[in-house]
Amino acid sequence: MAAVHTLSLVPAPATDGNWMDDANCKGNTALFFPPKAERPQARERREAKARRLCMSCTVLVECRSFARDNHEYGFWAGESEEDRHLAGYTVSAPIGVRARSNAG
């Protein structure tokens, strides 16, 4: 029987990065990073698919900690950049901020 992981707001201990080998998203990077000029509705659909994949992943906690600690771009562990920012984790330049600054 597969191990069940519960979501924790406390970051997981640092790992050596091998957890990535066990991630459900391995090989599906297009699902987790937006294409250029993605429309909001398309982004919602893409992120919903990504979130479903993340929620069944055995390394969700490790992934979330990695993304938060390393200020990652894209969708990681069921969280968008905006989600991480709203949770109090610094995101260098969230997608929305970059998009607005490039529009001018």
N, C-alpha and C. Protein backbone atom coordinates (compact mmCIF):
# COMPACT_ATOMS: atom_id res chain seq x y z
N MET A 1 0.85 -1.18 0.00
CA MET A 1 0.00 0.00 0.00
C MET A 1 0.89 1.24 0.00
N ALA A 2 0.54 2.24 -0.78
CA ALA A 2 1.32 3.46 -0.89
C ALA A 2 1.24 4.28 0.40
N ALA A 3 2.34 4.95 0.71
CA ALA A 3 2.38 5.81 1.89
C ALA A 3 1.48 7.02 1.65
N VAL A 4 0.84 7.48 2.69
CA VAL A 4 -0.02 8.65 2.61
C VAL A 4 0.69 9.79 3.29
N HIS A 5 0.83 10.90 2.58
CA HIS A 5 1.48 12.08 3.13
C HIS A 5 0.42 13.12 3.43
N THR A 6 0.54 13.74 4.57
CA THR A 6 -0.38 14.83 4.88
C THR A 6 0.33 16.14 4.60
N LEU A 7 -0.41 17.12 4.20
CA LEU A 7 0.12 18.43 3.91
C LEU A 7 0.44 19.15 5.20
N SER A 8 1.61 19.72 5.26
CA SER A 8 2.04 20.41 6.46
C SER A 8 2.44 21.83 6.10
N LEU A 9 2.16 22.76 6.95
CA LEU A 9 2.59 24.13 6.72
C LEU A 9 4.02 24.34 7.18
N VAL A 10 4.58 23.36 7.87
CA VAL A 10 5.97 23.42 8.32
C VAL A 10 6.83 22.84 7.21
N PRO A 11 7.84 23.58 6.75
CA PRO A 11 8.68 23.06 5.67
C PRO A 11 9.36 21.75 6.06
N ALA A 12 9.52 20.89 5.07
CA ALA A 12 10.20 19.62 5.29
C ALA A 12 11.69 19.87 5.49
N PRO A 13 12.38 18.95 6.12
CA PRO A 13 13.82 19.10 6.27
C PRO A 13 14.50 19.15 4.91
N ALA A 14 15.64 19.77 4.86
CA ALA A 14 16.39 19.86 3.61
C ALA A 14 16.71 18.45 3.11
N THR A 15 16.64 18.30 1.80
CA THR A 15 16.96 17.00 1.20
C THR A 15 18.09 17.20 0.20
N ASP A 16 18.60 16.11 -0.31
CA ASP A 16 19.69 16.20 -1.28
C ASP A 16 19.21 16.36 -2.72
N GLY A 17 17.92 16.49 -2.93
CA GLY A 17 17.37 16.70 -4.26
C GLY A 17 16.92 15.43 -4.94
N ASN A 18 17.22 14.25 -4.39
CA ASN A 18 16.79 13.00 -5.01
C ASN A 18 15.28 12.83 -5.01
N TRP A 19 14.58 13.59 -4.20
CA TRP A 19 13.12 13.50 -4.17
C TRP A 19 12.52 13.80 -5.54
N MET A 20 13.23 14.60 -6.33
CA MET A 20 12.71 14.96 -7.66
C MET A 20 12.54 13.74 -8.55
N ASP A 21 13.34 12.71 -8.33
CA ASP A 21 13.23 11.49 -9.14
C ASP A 21 11.88 10.80 -8.93
N ASP A 22 11.26 11.02 -7.78
CA ASP A 22 9.99 10.38 -7.44
C ASP A 22 8.77 11.25 -7.71
N ALA A 23 8.98 12.44 -8.24
CA ALA A 23 7.88 13.40 -8.43
C ALA A 23 6.97 12.97 -9.58
N ASN A 24 5.66 13.12 -9.37
CA ASN A 24 4.66 12.81 -10.40
C ASN A 24 4.84 13.67 -11.66
N CYS A 25 5.42 14.85 -11.50
CA CYS A 25 5.51 15.79 -12.60
C CYS A 25 6.70 15.53 -13.51
N LYS A 26 7.56 14.63 -13.14
CA LYS A 26 8.77 14.39 -13.92
C LYS A 26 8.40 14.13 -15.38
N GLY A 27 8.97 14.94 -16.27
CA GLY A 27 8.68 14.82 -17.69
C GLY A 27 7.48 15.60 -18.17
N ASN A 28 6.80 16.30 -17.29
CA ASN A 28 5.59 17.07 -17.64
C ASN A 28 5.79 18.56 -17.38
N THR A 29 6.96 19.09 -17.64
CA THR A 29 7.25 20.47 -17.27
C THR A 29 6.32 21.49 -17.93
N ALA A 30 5.83 21.21 -19.12
CA ALA A 30 4.95 22.18 -19.79
C ALA A 30 3.67 22.44 -19.00
N LEU A 31 3.26 21.49 -18.20
CA LEU A 31 2.06 21.64 -17.39
C LEU A 31 2.29 22.61 -16.22
N PHE A 32 3.53 22.81 -15.83
CA PHE A 32 3.85 23.57 -14.63
C PHE A 32 4.42 24.96 -14.88
N PHE A 33 4.68 25.29 -16.15
CA PHE A 33 5.21 26.60 -16.50
C PHE A 33 4.40 27.16 -17.65
N PRO A 34 3.94 28.41 -17.53
CA PRO A 34 3.04 28.96 -18.55
C PRO A 34 3.73 29.23 -19.87
N PRO A 35 3.04 28.98 -20.97
CA PRO A 35 3.58 29.40 -22.27
C PRO A 35 3.43 30.91 -22.41
N LYS A 36 4.15 31.47 -23.31
CA LYS A 36 4.09 32.92 -23.55
C LYS A 36 2.66 33.31 -23.94
N ALA A 37 2.18 34.39 -23.38
CA ALA A 37 0.88 34.97 -23.68
C ALA A 37 -0.29 34.02 -23.35
N GLU A 38 -0.15 33.25 -22.29
CA GLU A 38 -1.24 32.35 -21.89
C GLU A 38 -2.42 33.15 -21.38
N ARG A 39 -3.60 32.81 -21.83
CA ARG A 39 -4.82 33.49 -21.40
C ARG A 39 -5.20 33.01 -20.00
N PRO A 40 -5.87 33.86 -19.23
CA PRO A 40 -6.23 33.50 -17.86
C PRO A 40 -7.03 32.20 -17.74
N GLN A 41 -7.98 31.99 -18.66
CA GLN A 41 -8.79 30.76 -18.60
C GLN A 41 -7.93 29.53 -18.89
N ALA A 42 -7.00 29.65 -19.80
CA ALA A 42 -6.10 28.53 -20.12
C ALA A 42 -5.18 28.26 -18.93
N ARG A 43 -4.74 29.32 -18.28
CA ARG A 43 -3.89 29.15 -17.10
C ARG A 43 -4.65 28.42 -15.99
N GLU A 44 -5.90 28.79 -15.77
CA GLU A 44 -6.70 28.12 -14.75
C GLU A 44 -6.84 26.63 -15.04
N ARG A 45 -7.09 26.29 -16.30
CA ARG A 45 -7.23 24.87 -16.66
C ARG A 45 -5.91 24.13 -16.49
N ARG A 46 -4.81 24.74 -16.94
CA ARG A 46 -3.50 24.11 -16.83
C ARG A 46 -3.13 23.90 -15.36
N GLU A 47 -3.33 24.92 -14.54
CA GLU A 47 -2.99 24.81 -13.12
C GLU A 47 -3.89 23.82 -12.39
N ALA A 48 -5.14 23.69 -12.81
CA ALA A 48 -6.03 22.70 -12.18
C ALA A 48 -5.52 21.29 -12.46
N LYS A 49 -5.06 21.03 -13.69
CA LYS A 49 -4.48 19.73 -14.03
C LYS A 49 -3.21 19.49 -13.22
N ALA A 50 -2.37 20.52 -13.14
CA ALA A 50 -1.13 20.40 -12.38
C ALA A 50 -1.42 20.13 -10.90
N ARG A 51 -2.40 20.85 -10.35
CA ARG A 51 -2.75 20.68 -8.94
C ARG A 51 -3.21 19.24 -8.65
N ARG A 52 -4.00 18.67 -9.54
CA ARG A 52 -4.45 17.29 -9.36
C ARG A 52 -3.26 16.33 -9.34
N LEU A 53 -2.30 16.55 -10.22
CA LEU A 53 -1.11 15.71 -10.24
C LEU A 53 -0.30 15.89 -8.96
N CYS A 54 -0.18 17.12 -8.50
CA CYS A 54 0.57 17.42 -7.27
C CYS A 54 -0.07 16.77 -6.04
N MET A 55 -1.38 16.86 -5.95
CA MET A 55 -2.06 16.39 -4.74
C MET A 55 -1.93 14.88 -4.54
N SER A 56 -1.61 14.15 -5.59
CA SER A 56 -1.43 12.70 -5.45
C SER A 56 0.05 12.32 -5.40
N CYS A 57 0.92 13.29 -5.31
CA CYS A 57 2.36 13.05 -5.36
C CYS A 57 2.92 12.70 -3.98
N THR A 58 3.81 11.73 -3.94
CA THR A 58 4.39 11.29 -2.67
C THR A 58 5.47 12.24 -2.16
N VAL A 59 5.93 13.18 -2.99
CA VAL A 59 6.98 14.11 -2.55
C VAL A 59 6.47 15.55 -2.50
N LEU A 60 5.18 15.71 -2.29
CA LEU A 60 4.56 17.04 -2.26
C LEU A 60 5.22 17.95 -1.23
N VAL A 61 5.45 17.47 -0.04
CA VAL A 61 6.00 18.31 1.03
C VAL A 61 7.42 18.76 0.69
N GLU A 62 8.22 17.85 0.18
CA GLU A 62 9.59 18.20 -0.20
C GLU A 62 9.60 19.23 -1.33
N CYS A 63 8.72 19.03 -2.30
CA CYS A 63 8.62 19.93 -3.43
C CYS A 63 8.19 21.33 -2.99
N ARG A 64 7.18 21.39 -2.14
CA ARG A 64 6.69 22.68 -1.65
C ARG A 64 7.79 23.43 -0.90
N SER A 65 8.51 22.73 -0.05
CA SER A 65 9.60 23.36 0.69
C SER A 65 10.68 23.88 -0.25
N PHE A 66 11.01 23.09 -1.25
CA PHE A 66 12.03 23.48 -2.22
C PHE A 66 11.60 24.76 -2.95
N ALA A 67 10.37 24.78 -3.44
CA ALA A 67 9.88 25.95 -4.18
C ALA A 67 9.86 27.19 -3.31
N ARG A 68 9.40 27.04 -2.10
CA ARG A 68 9.32 28.19 -1.19
C ARG A 68 10.71 28.68 -0.80
N ASP A 69 11.60 27.76 -0.47
CA ASP A 69 12.95 28.14 -0.03
C ASP A 69 13.80 28.72 -1.14
N ASN A 70 13.53 28.31 -2.39
CA ASN A 70 14.36 28.74 -3.51
C ASN A 70 13.70 29.76 -4.41
N HIS A 71 12.56 30.31 -3.97
CA HIS A 71 11.87 31.39 -4.69
C HIS A 71 11.61 31.00 -6.14
N GLU A 72 11.13 29.78 -6.35
CA GLU A 72 10.94 29.24 -7.70
C GLU A 72 9.79 29.90 -8.44
N TYR A 73 9.95 29.95 -9.76
CA TYR A 73 8.89 30.37 -10.66
C TYR A 73 8.07 29.15 -11.04
N GLY A 74 6.87 29.38 -11.52
CA GLY A 74 6.04 28.29 -12.00
C GLY A 74 5.17 27.70 -10.92
N PHE A 75 4.56 26.58 -11.25
CA PHE A 75 3.60 25.91 -10.37
C PHE A 75 4.31 24.73 -9.73
N TRP A 76 4.44 24.74 -8.42
CA TRP A 76 5.15 23.71 -7.67
C TRP A 76 4.28 23.24 -6.52
N ALA A 77 4.18 21.94 -6.34
CA ALA A 77 3.52 21.35 -5.16
C ALA A 77 2.12 21.91 -4.91
N GLY A 78 1.38 22.10 -5.97
CA GLY A 78 0.03 22.59 -5.83
C GLY A 78 -0.08 24.08 -5.58
N GLU A 79 1.02 24.81 -5.75
CA GLU A 79 1.02 26.26 -5.50
C GLU A 79 1.55 27.03 -6.70
N SER A 80 0.88 28.11 -7.00
CA SER A 80 1.38 29.04 -8.01
C SER A 80 2.33 30.01 -7.33
N GLU A 81 3.00 30.82 -8.11
CA GLU A 81 3.87 31.86 -7.53
C GLU A 81 3.06 32.78 -6.63
N GLU A 82 1.85 33.13 -7.08
CA GLU A 82 0.99 34.00 -6.28
C GLU A 82 0.62 33.33 -4.96
N ASP A 83 0.31 32.03 -5.00
CA ASP A 83 -0.02 31.30 -3.77
C ASP A 83 1.14 31.37 -2.78
N ARG A 84 2.36 31.14 -3.28
CA ARG A 84 3.53 31.20 -2.39
C ARG A 84 3.73 32.60 -1.83
N HIS A 85 3.53 33.59 -2.69
CA HIS A 85 3.66 34.99 -2.23
C HIS A 85 2.63 35.30 -1.14
N LEU A 86 1.40 34.88 -1.36
CA LEU A 86 0.34 35.14 -0.37
C LEU A 86 0.56 34.36 0.93
N ALA A 87 1.29 33.24 0.85
CA ALA A 87 1.61 32.46 2.05
C ALA A 87 2.80 33.06 2.80
N GLY A 88 3.35 34.17 2.29
CA GLY A 88 4.42 34.85 2.99
C GLY A 88 5.82 34.49 2.52
N TYR A 89 5.92 33.78 1.41
CA TYR A 89 7.24 33.42 0.88
C TYR A 89 7.59 34.37 -0.24
N THR A 90 8.81 34.85 -0.22
CA THR A 90 9.27 35.81 -1.21
C THR A 90 9.36 35.16 -2.58
N VAL A 91 8.78 35.82 -3.55
CA VAL A 91 8.91 35.43 -4.94
C VAL A 91 9.55 36.63 -5.61
N SER A 92 10.70 36.41 -6.22
CA SER A 92 11.46 37.53 -6.78
C SER A 92 10.64 38.40 -7.71
N ALA A 93 9.95 37.80 -8.65
CA ALA A 93 9.11 38.55 -9.59
C ALA A 93 8.00 37.64 -10.07
N PRO A 94 6.88 37.61 -9.37
CA PRO A 94 5.78 36.75 -9.80
C PRO A 94 5.39 36.99 -11.25
N ILE A 95 4.85 35.97 -11.90
CA ILE A 95 4.45 36.05 -13.30
C ILE A 95 3.65 37.31 -13.58
N GLY A 96 2.65 37.61 -12.77
CA GLY A 96 1.82 38.79 -12.98
C GLY A 96 2.63 40.08 -12.97
N VAL A 97 3.59 40.17 -12.08
CA VAL A 97 4.43 41.36 -11.99
C VAL A 97 5.29 41.47 -13.24
N ARG A 98 5.88 40.34 -13.66
CA ARG A 98 6.72 40.36 -14.88
C ARG A 98 5.88 40.71 -16.10
N ALA A 99 4.68 40.18 -16.20
CA ALA A 99 3.83 40.44 -17.35
C ALA A 99 3.47 41.92 -17.43
N ARG A 100 3.14 42.51 -16.29
CA ARG A 100 2.78 43.93 -16.28
C ARG A 100 3.99 44.79 -16.65
N SER A 101 5.18 44.44 -16.17
CA SER A 101 6.36 45.25 -16.46
C SER A 101 6.79 45.12 -17.92
N ASN A 102 6.50 43.98 -18.56
CA ASN A 102 6.87 43.78 -19.97
C ASN A 102 5.85 44.39 -20.92
N ALA A 103 4.66 44.71 -20.42
CA ALA A 103 3.61 45.25 -21.29
C ALA A 103 3.86 46.70 -21.67
N GLY A 104 4.65 47.39 -20.88
CA GLY A 104 4.81 48.82 -21.10
C GLY A 104 5.89 49.20 -21.97
